[in-house]
N, C-alpha and C. Protein backbone atom coordinates (compact mmCIF):
# COMPACT_ATOMS: atom_id res chain seq x y z
N MET A 1 37.00 77.94 42.48
CA MET A 1 37.70 79.18 42.44
C MET A 1 39.16 78.93 42.78
N ASP A 2 40.04 79.66 42.10
CA ASP A 2 41.46 79.64 42.43
C ASP A 2 41.76 80.79 43.39
N VAL A 3 42.58 80.51 44.38
CA VAL A 3 42.99 81.53 45.33
C VAL A 3 44.50 81.71 45.20
N PHE A 4 44.92 82.96 44.98
CA PHE A 4 46.32 83.31 44.86
C PHE A 4 46.71 84.15 46.06
N VAL A 5 47.92 83.94 46.55
CA VAL A 5 48.43 84.67 47.72
C VAL A 5 49.23 85.86 47.22
N VAL A 6 48.94 87.02 47.78
CA VAL A 6 49.65 88.25 47.43
C VAL A 6 50.75 88.48 48.47
N GLY A 7 51.98 88.65 48.00
CA GLY A 7 53.10 88.92 48.89
C GLY A 7 53.28 87.83 49.93
N LYS A 8 53.52 88.26 51.17
CA LYS A 8 53.66 87.31 52.28
C LYS A 8 52.34 87.30 53.04
N ASP A 9 51.32 86.77 52.39
CA ASP A 9 49.96 86.68 52.94
C ASP A 9 49.39 88.07 53.24
N ASP A 10 49.70 89.04 52.37
CA ASP A 10 49.17 90.40 52.53
C ASP A 10 47.71 90.47 52.12
N GLY A 11 47.28 89.55 51.29
CA GLY A 11 45.91 89.50 50.79
C GLY A 11 45.80 88.36 49.81
N TYR A 12 44.66 88.25 49.17
CA TYR A 12 44.40 87.13 48.28
C TYR A 12 43.66 87.61 47.05
N VAL A 13 43.93 86.96 45.92
CA VAL A 13 43.20 87.21 44.69
C VAL A 13 42.39 85.95 44.43
N VAL A 14 41.10 86.14 44.20
CA VAL A 14 40.20 85.03 43.91
C VAL A 14 39.72 85.18 42.48
N ALA A 15 39.80 84.09 41.71
CA ALA A 15 39.39 84.12 40.31
C ALA A 15 38.78 82.76 39.97
N PRO A 16 37.97 82.72 38.92
CA PRO A 16 37.44 81.43 38.49
C PRO A 16 38.58 80.48 38.15
N SER A 17 38.42 79.22 38.45
CA SER A 17 39.48 78.23 38.20
C SER A 17 39.90 78.24 36.74
N GLY A 18 41.20 78.32 36.54
CA GLY A 18 41.77 78.29 35.21
C GLY A 18 41.73 79.61 34.46
N ALA A 19 41.14 80.64 35.03
CA ALA A 19 41.06 81.93 34.35
C ALA A 19 42.43 82.60 34.32
N ALA A 20 42.71 83.29 33.22
CA ALA A 20 43.96 84.03 33.11
C ALA A 20 43.80 85.37 33.83
N LEU A 21 44.78 85.71 34.65
CA LEU A 21 44.77 86.98 35.36
C LEU A 21 45.50 88.03 34.54
N PRO A 22 45.03 89.28 34.54
CA PRO A 22 45.70 90.33 33.77
C PRO A 22 47.08 90.65 34.34
N ASP A 23 48.11 90.45 33.54
CA ASP A 23 49.50 90.63 33.99
C ASP A 23 49.77 92.01 34.57
N GLU A 24 49.33 93.05 33.88
CA GLU A 24 49.64 94.41 34.32
C GLU A 24 49.04 94.69 35.71
N GLU A 25 47.81 94.30 35.91
CA GLU A 25 47.17 94.54 37.20
C GLU A 25 47.78 93.68 38.30
N MET A 26 48.13 92.45 38.00
CA MET A 26 48.71 91.57 39.00
C MET A 26 50.12 92.01 39.37
N SER A 27 50.87 92.54 38.42
CA SER A 27 52.22 93.00 38.74
C SER A 27 52.17 94.21 39.68
N ALA A 28 51.09 94.98 39.62
CA ALA A 28 50.94 96.12 40.54
C ALA A 28 50.75 95.66 41.98
N LEU A 29 50.25 94.45 42.16
CA LEU A 29 50.05 93.91 43.51
C LEU A 29 51.36 93.42 44.12
N GLY A 30 52.33 93.14 43.30
CA GLY A 30 53.59 92.58 43.79
C GLY A 30 53.64 91.09 43.55
N GLU A 31 54.35 90.39 44.41
CA GLU A 31 54.50 88.94 44.27
C GLU A 31 53.13 88.26 44.39
N LEU A 32 52.85 87.38 43.47
CA LEU A 32 51.59 86.65 43.46
C LEU A 32 51.89 85.19 43.17
N ARG A 33 51.41 84.31 44.03
CA ARG A 33 51.63 82.88 43.81
C ARG A 33 50.33 82.11 44.04
N PHE A 34 50.21 80.98 43.36
CA PHE A 34 49.01 80.16 43.52
C PHE A 34 48.96 79.61 44.94
N GLY A 35 47.78 79.68 45.56
CA GLY A 35 47.61 79.17 46.91
C GLY A 35 46.87 77.86 46.95
N TRP A 36 45.60 77.86 46.57
CA TRP A 36 44.77 76.67 46.62
C TRP A 36 43.50 76.89 45.82
N ILE A 37 42.72 75.83 45.70
CA ILE A 37 41.42 75.87 45.03
C ILE A 37 40.36 75.71 46.10
N ILE A 38 39.28 76.48 45.96
CA ILE A 38 38.18 76.37 46.91
C ILE A 38 36.86 76.26 46.16
N ASP A 39 36.02 75.41 46.65
CA ASP A 39 34.64 75.34 46.17
C ASP A 39 33.87 76.40 46.93
N SER A 40 33.30 77.37 46.25
CA SER A 40 32.63 78.48 46.95
C SER A 40 31.48 77.99 47.83
N ASP A 41 30.93 76.81 47.55
CA ASP A 41 29.89 76.25 48.41
C ASP A 41 30.46 75.78 49.74
N ALA A 42 31.77 75.49 49.79
CA ALA A 42 32.40 75.02 51.02
C ALA A 42 32.98 76.16 51.85
N ALA A 43 32.95 77.37 51.31
CA ALA A 43 33.53 78.51 52.01
C ALA A 43 32.65 78.93 53.18
N MET A 44 33.28 79.60 54.12
CA MET A 44 32.53 80.09 55.29
C MET A 44 31.50 81.12 54.84
N PRO A 45 30.30 81.06 55.40
CA PRO A 45 29.25 81.99 54.99
C PRO A 45 29.56 83.46 55.28
N ARG A 46 30.45 83.73 56.22
CA ARG A 46 30.74 85.13 56.56
C ARG A 46 31.51 85.85 55.47
N LEU A 47 32.11 85.12 54.56
CA LEU A 47 32.84 85.73 53.46
C LEU A 47 31.84 86.35 52.49
N ASP A 48 32.11 87.54 51.98
CA ASP A 48 31.20 88.27 51.11
C ASP A 48 31.28 87.74 49.68
N TRP A 49 30.66 86.60 49.44
CA TRP A 49 30.72 85.99 48.11
C TRP A 49 29.97 86.81 47.08
N GLN A 50 28.94 87.55 47.48
CA GLN A 50 28.23 88.41 46.52
C GLN A 50 29.16 89.51 46.03
N GLY A 51 29.92 90.12 46.95
CA GLY A 51 30.88 91.15 46.56
C GLY A 51 31.98 90.59 45.69
N ILE A 52 32.46 89.40 46.02
CA ILE A 52 33.49 88.73 45.23
C ILE A 52 32.97 88.46 43.82
N ALA A 53 31.74 87.96 43.72
CA ALA A 53 31.14 87.67 42.41
C ALA A 53 30.99 88.94 41.58
N LYS A 54 30.61 90.06 42.20
CA LYS A 54 30.48 91.32 41.47
C LYS A 54 31.84 91.78 40.95
N ASP A 55 32.89 91.64 41.78
CA ASP A 55 34.24 91.99 41.33
C ASP A 55 34.67 91.12 40.16
N ILE A 56 34.41 89.83 40.25
CA ILE A 56 34.80 88.91 39.18
C ILE A 56 34.05 89.24 37.90
N ASP A 57 32.77 89.57 38.00
CA ASP A 57 32.01 89.96 36.81
C ASP A 57 32.59 91.22 36.17
N ALA A 58 33.03 92.16 37.00
CA ALA A 58 33.54 93.44 36.50
C ALA A 58 34.98 93.36 36.00
N ARG A 59 35.85 92.64 36.74
CA ARG A 59 37.29 92.65 36.44
C ARG A 59 37.86 91.29 36.07
N GLY A 60 37.14 90.24 36.40
CA GLY A 60 37.66 88.89 36.16
C GLY A 60 38.34 88.28 37.37
N TYR A 61 38.47 89.05 38.45
CA TYR A 61 39.07 88.58 39.69
C TYR A 61 38.58 89.47 40.82
N SER A 62 38.86 89.04 42.06
CA SER A 62 38.52 89.83 43.23
C SER A 62 39.70 89.80 44.19
N ILE A 63 39.91 90.91 44.89
CA ILE A 63 40.97 90.98 45.89
C ILE A 63 40.30 90.86 47.26
N VAL A 64 40.80 89.93 48.07
CA VAL A 64 40.23 89.65 49.39
C VAL A 64 41.27 90.02 50.44
N PRO A 65 40.88 90.74 51.49
CA PRO A 65 41.84 91.14 52.53
C PRO A 65 42.42 89.94 53.27
N GLN A 66 43.60 90.14 53.84
CA GLN A 66 44.31 89.09 54.57
C GLN A 66 43.46 88.52 55.70
N GLY A 67 42.67 89.34 56.36
CA GLY A 67 41.88 88.88 57.50
C GLY A 67 40.77 87.91 57.15
N ASP A 68 40.48 87.73 55.87
CA ASP A 68 39.40 86.83 55.47
C ASP A 68 39.90 85.45 55.07
N VAL A 69 41.13 85.10 55.43
CA VAL A 69 41.68 83.80 55.04
C VAL A 69 40.84 82.65 55.59
N ALA A 70 40.26 82.78 56.76
CA ALA A 70 39.45 81.68 57.31
C ALA A 70 38.27 81.39 56.40
N GLY A 71 37.65 82.42 55.86
CA GLY A 71 36.54 82.22 54.94
C GLY A 71 36.98 81.58 53.65
N LEU A 72 38.17 81.93 53.18
CA LEU A 72 38.68 81.35 51.94
C LEU A 72 39.10 79.90 52.11
N LEU A 73 39.50 79.53 53.31
CA LEU A 73 39.90 78.14 53.55
C LEU A 73 38.70 77.25 53.81
N GLY A 74 37.57 77.84 54.15
CA GLY A 74 36.39 77.04 54.44
C GLY A 74 36.49 76.34 55.78
N ALA A 75 37.29 76.88 56.70
CA ALA A 75 37.46 76.28 58.02
C ALA A 75 37.40 77.37 59.08
N PRO A 76 36.88 77.07 60.24
CA PRO A 76 36.90 78.07 61.32
C PRO A 76 38.32 78.49 61.65
N GLU A 77 38.51 79.74 62.02
CA GLU A 77 39.85 80.29 62.23
C GLU A 77 40.65 79.51 63.27
N HIS A 78 40.00 78.99 64.31
CA HIS A 78 40.76 78.25 65.33
C HIS A 78 41.33 76.94 64.80
N GLU A 79 40.86 76.48 63.64
CA GLU A 79 41.39 75.25 63.05
C GLU A 79 42.53 75.50 62.08
N LEU A 80 42.82 76.76 61.77
CA LEU A 80 43.84 77.06 60.77
C LEU A 80 45.22 76.57 61.16
N SER A 81 45.56 76.64 62.43
CA SER A 81 46.90 76.20 62.83
C SER A 81 47.10 74.71 62.58
N ALA A 82 46.04 73.94 62.65
CA ALA A 82 46.15 72.51 62.36
C ALA A 82 46.31 72.27 60.85
N LEU A 83 45.64 73.10 60.03
CA LEU A 83 45.70 72.92 58.59
C LEU A 83 46.95 73.53 57.98
N TYR A 84 47.37 74.68 58.49
CA TYR A 84 48.50 75.40 57.94
C TYR A 84 49.43 75.85 59.07
N PRO A 85 50.12 74.93 59.73
CA PRO A 85 50.94 75.30 60.88
C PRO A 85 52.06 76.28 60.53
N GLU A 86 52.53 76.28 59.27
CA GLU A 86 53.61 77.19 58.90
C GLU A 86 53.19 78.65 59.01
N PHE A 87 51.90 78.95 58.96
CA PHE A 87 51.42 80.31 59.09
C PHE A 87 51.30 80.74 60.54
N HIS A 88 51.44 79.81 61.47
CA HIS A 88 51.18 80.11 62.88
C HIS A 88 52.38 79.88 63.78
N ARG A 89 53.53 79.57 63.22
CA ARG A 89 54.72 79.32 64.04
C ARG A 89 55.14 80.55 64.84
N ARG A 90 54.95 81.75 64.28
CA ARG A 90 55.38 82.96 64.98
C ARG A 90 54.63 83.18 66.26
N PHE A 91 53.44 82.56 66.43
CA PHE A 91 52.64 82.72 67.63
C PHE A 91 52.89 81.61 68.66
N ALA A 92 53.77 80.68 68.31
CA ALA A 92 53.97 79.50 69.17
C ALA A 92 54.72 79.83 70.47
N ALA A 93 55.52 80.86 70.46
CA ALA A 93 56.34 81.17 71.63
C ALA A 93 55.55 81.75 72.77
């Protein structure tokens, strides 16, 4: 699955790898950039993959809230600062 970042980590769009996203719908979300690729088998079990799969079947993509980034990275949340320190600098002080 491809994961795209919406805005400044406001949320995420998940789509099958290599799938074309609908321009009109994506422009309504605002800035969208490619984030990373995830194997859904490696994702955290707490992420609602059944809901994501239903969205993808219906629309071709799914929108995931910002708070579910740990599930999309496939790593426990306490490990995120080690993997992506640029997202956690604001909490360093």
